[in-house]
Structure formats: structure tokens, C-alpha cells
Amino acid sequence: MVTEEIVRDALNLVEDPELMMGIVDLGLVYEVQIEDSKVKVIFTLTSMGCPVGPWIAEQVDLAARGVDGVEEVETDLVFSPPWNPEMMSDDAKFALGF
């Protein structure tokens, strides 16, 4: 059975190469929607001009597809609300000195 926790754990293996931290811990994954074997991931980037944005988008898709039981993946890159450091997990804030 596909659960949000399993998908988020898989997505957190995708690291922002500049910050060297998982995208879930960074607060970049806004929502994970699951309907049977279909997963939709709504995510953002730290900035609209993020140079690794296309790579992160590809990795989000691959990570979600890698979860057992997931047959279809939809990704939605959004910039509203804009990301800010307050969205990070407490561990990420500590590691990055916030």
C-alpha cells in the first residue's frame, strides 16, 4: 500500500545539490496526493531561477516512481506560496544554522 509517509521518505532522498539536504526536510514538498496507485507531488524550489530546477523536477518524478505500488506520477512545480527558510524541518534549520 502506498502511503504519504513512504512517498515523502523516497522524495527526501532527493537532495538539493547546493544545500546538500533532502527536499522534504527543506520544505520544498508542499503536498503529496495519493489515489490508488497514482501519486501527485506538489513541490517548489528555493527560487524561481534555481539552476538545478529541471534536475530536481526529474528526480522528484523518478523518486516517486520508485516507490512500490506507484504506477503513475504527476508532478506540479509551483511558486505560490513562495518558499522561505521557515518551511524547513527543525533538523534542517539546525543543520543550516537557522
C-alpha atoms as a PDB file:
ATOM      1  CA  MET A   1       0.000   0.000   0.000  1.00  0.00           C
ATOM      2  CA  VAL A   2       1.312   3.425  -0.979  1.00  0.00           C
ATOM      3  CA  THR A   3       1.272   5.933   1.870  1.00  0.00           C
ATOM      4  CA  GLU A   4       2.216   9.584   2.076  1.00  0.00           C
ATOM      5  CA  GLU A   5       4.956   8.773   4.581  1.00  0.00           C
ATOM      6  CA  ILE A   6       6.573   6.242   2.225  1.00  0.00           C
ATOM      7  CA  VAL A   7       6.433   8.677  -0.694  1.00  0.00           C
ATOM      8  CA  ARG A   8       7.831  11.531   1.406  1.00  0.00           C
ATOM      9  CA  ASP A   9      10.672   9.291   2.622  1.00  0.00           C
ATOM     10  CA  ALA A  10      11.528   8.469  -1.005  1.00  0.00           C
ATOM     11  CA  LEU A  11      11.335  12.129  -2.025  1.00  0.00           C
ATOM     12  CA  ASN A  12      13.619  13.150   0.829  1.00  0.00           C
ATOM     13  CA  LEU A  13      16.371  11.105  -0.808  1.00  0.00           C
ATOM     14  CA  VAL A  14      16.393  13.801  -3.497  1.00  0.00           C
ATOM     15  CA  GLU A  15      18.933  16.308  -2.223  1.00  0.00           C
ATOM     16  CA  ASP A  16      19.253  19.917  -3.205  1.00  0.00           C
ATOM     17  CA  PRO A  17      22.851  19.845  -4.534  1.00  0.00           C
ATOM     18  CA  GLU A  18      23.604  23.331  -3.222  1.00  0.00           C
ATOM     19  CA  LEU A  19      22.307  22.756   0.310  1.00  0.00           C
ATOM     20  CA  MET A  20      23.082  19.019   0.478  1.00  0.00           C
ATOM     21  CA  MET A  21      19.804  18.279   2.207  1.00  0.00           C
ATOM     22  CA  GLY A  22      16.663  16.354   1.252  1.00  0.00           C
ATOM     23  CA  ILE A  23      13.880  18.315  -0.395  1.00  0.00           C
ATOM     24  CA  VAL A  24      11.278  17.225   2.150  1.00  0.00           C
ATOM     25  CA  ASP A  25      13.421  18.431   5.057  1.00  0.00           C
ATOM     26  CA  LEU A  26      13.971  21.681   3.175  1.00  0.00           C
ATOM     27  CA  GLY A  27      10.212  22.192   2.974  1.00  0.00           C
ATOM     28  CA  LEU A  28      10.143  22.065  -0.816  1.00  0.00           C
ATOM     29  CA  VAL A  29       7.469  19.348  -0.980  1.00  0.00           C
ATOM     30  CA  TYR A  30       4.166  21.068  -0.313  1.00  0.00           C
ATOM     31  CA  GLU A  31       1.756  18.202  -0.823  1.00  0.00           C
ATOM     32  CA  VAL A  32       1.584  14.518  -1.719  1.00  0.00           C
ATOM     33  CA  GLN A  33      -1.753  13.278  -3.002  1.00  0.00           C
ATOM     34  CA  ILE A  34      -2.382   9.559  -3.393  1.00  0.00           C
ATOM     35  CA  GLU A  35      -5.240   7.927  -5.235  1.00  0.00           C
ATOM     36  CA  ASP A  36      -4.824   4.160  -5.532  1.00  0.00           C
ATOM     37  CA  SER A  37      -1.546   3.720  -7.454  1.00  0.00           C
ATOM     38  CA  LYS A  38      -1.364   7.330  -8.684  1.00  0.00           C
ATOM     39  CA  VAL A  39       0.733   9.906  -6.846  1.00  0.00           C
ATOM     40  CA  LYS A  40       0.728  13.657  -7.351  1.00  0.00           C
ATOM     41  CA  VAL A  41       3.579  15.658  -5.863  1.00  0.00           C
ATOM     42  CA  ILE A  42       3.232  19.419  -5.482  1.00  0.00           C
ATOM     43  CA  PHE A  43       6.620  20.970  -4.872  1.00  0.00           C
ATOM     44  CA  THR A  44       8.631  24.142  -5.241  1.00  0.00           C
ATOM     45  CA  LEU A  45      12.218  25.309  -5.498  1.00  0.00           C
ATOM     46  CA  THR A  46      14.160  27.682  -3.275  1.00  0.00           C
ATOM     47  CA  SER A  47      13.916  30.301  -6.050  1.00  0.00           C
ATOM     48  CA  MET A  48      12.281  30.663  -9.453  1.00  0.00           C
ATOM     49  CA  GLY A  49      15.690  30.898 -11.099  1.00  0.00           C
ATOM     50  CA  CYS A  50      17.131  27.828  -9.384  1.00  0.00           C
ATOM     51  CA  PRO A  51      19.740  26.477 -11.825  1.00  0.00           C
ATOM     52  CA  VAL A  52      19.113  22.859 -10.805  1.00  0.00           C
ATOM     53  CA  GLY A  53      15.324  23.167 -11.042  1.00  0.00           C
ATOM     54  CA  PRO A  54      14.925  20.855 -14.063  1.00  0.00           C
ATOM     55  CA  TRP A  55      17.136  18.234 -12.439  1.00  0.00           C
ATOM     56  CA  ILE A  56      15.190  18.374  -9.167  1.00  0.00           C
ATOM     57  CA  ALA A  57      11.897  18.053 -11.070  1.00  0.00           C
ATOM     58  CA  GLU A  58      13.229  14.959 -12.841  1.00  0.00           C
ATOM     59  CA  GLN A  59      14.440  13.468  -9.563  1.00  0.00           C
ATOM     60  CA  VAL A  60      11.053  14.079  -7.890  1.00  0.00           C
ATOM     61  CA  ASP A  61       9.384  12.101 -10.671  1.00  0.00           C
ATOM     62  CA  LEU A  62      11.937   9.271 -10.509  1.00  0.00           C
ATOM     63  CA  ALA A  63      11.807   9.031  -6.709  1.00  0.00           C
ATOM     64  CA  ALA A  64       8.007   8.826  -6.649  1.00  0.00           C
ATOM     65  CA  ARG A  65       8.000   6.228  -9.448  1.00  0.00           C
ATOM     66  CA  GLY A  66      10.485   4.174  -7.440  1.00  0.00           C
ATOM     67  CA  VAL A  67       8.000   3.566  -4.628  1.00  0.00           C
ATOM     68  CA  ASP A  68       6.499   0.075  -4.688  1.00  0.00           C
ATOM     69  CA  GLY A  69       2.895   0.214  -5.804  1.00  0.00           C
ATOM     70  CA  VAL A  70       3.164   3.550  -7.628  1.00  0.00           C
ATOM     71  CA  GLU A  71       2.169   3.193 -11.265  1.00  0.00           C
ATOM     72  CA  GLU A  72       1.529   6.794 -12.282  1.00  0.00           C
ATOM     73  CA  VAL A  73       3.151  10.041 -11.151  1.00  0.00           C
ATOM     74  CA  GLU A  74       2.134  13.627 -11.724  1.00  0.00           C
ATOM     75  CA  THR A  75       4.375  16.453 -10.588  1.00  0.00           C
ATOM     76  CA  ASP A  76       3.345  20.051 -10.190  1.00  0.00           C
ATOM     77  CA  LEU A  77       6.044  22.686  -9.716  1.00  0.00           C
ATOM     78  CA  VAL A  78       4.544  25.760  -8.051  1.00  0.00           C
ATOM     79  CA  PHE A  79       5.895  29.043  -6.723  1.00  0.00           C
ATOM     80  CA  SER A  80       2.948  30.014  -4.576  1.00  0.00           C
ATOM     81  CA  PRO A  81       3.338  30.203  -1.726  1.00  0.00           C
ATOM     82  CA  PRO A  82       6.962  31.167  -2.211  1.00  0.00           C
ATOM     83  CA  TRP A  83       9.439  29.030  -0.306  1.00  0.00           C
ATOM     84  CA  ASN A  84      11.176  30.521   2.719  1.00  0.00           C
ATOM     85  CA  PRO A  85      13.523  29.067   5.358  1.00  0.00           C
ATOM     86  CA  GLU A  86      10.713  28.840   7.923  1.00  0.00           C
ATOM     87  CA  MET A  87       9.297  25.932   5.882  1.00  0.00           C
ATOM     88  CA  MET A  88      12.286  23.729   6.718  1.00  0.00           C
ATOM     89  CA  SER A  89      12.152  20.976   9.305  1.00  0.00           C
ATOM     90  CA  ASP A  90      13.691  21.728  12.689  1.00  0.00           C
ATOM     91  CA  ASP A  91      16.591  19.402  11.822  1.00  0.00           C
ATOM     92  CA  ALA A  92      17.257  21.270   8.574  1.00  0.00           C
ATOM     93  CA  LYS A  93      17.110  24.634  10.335  1.00  0.00           C
ATOM     94  CA  PHE A  94      19.604  23.398  12.924  1.00  0.00           C
ATOM     95  CA  ALA A  95      21.961  21.928  10.295  1.00  0.00           C
ATOM     96  CA  LEU A  96      21.902  25.139   8.259  1.00  0.00           C
ATOM     97  CA  GLY A  97      22.270  27.421  11.279  1.00  0.00           C
ATOM     98  CA  PHE A  98      18.781  28.918  11.426  1.00  0.00           C
END
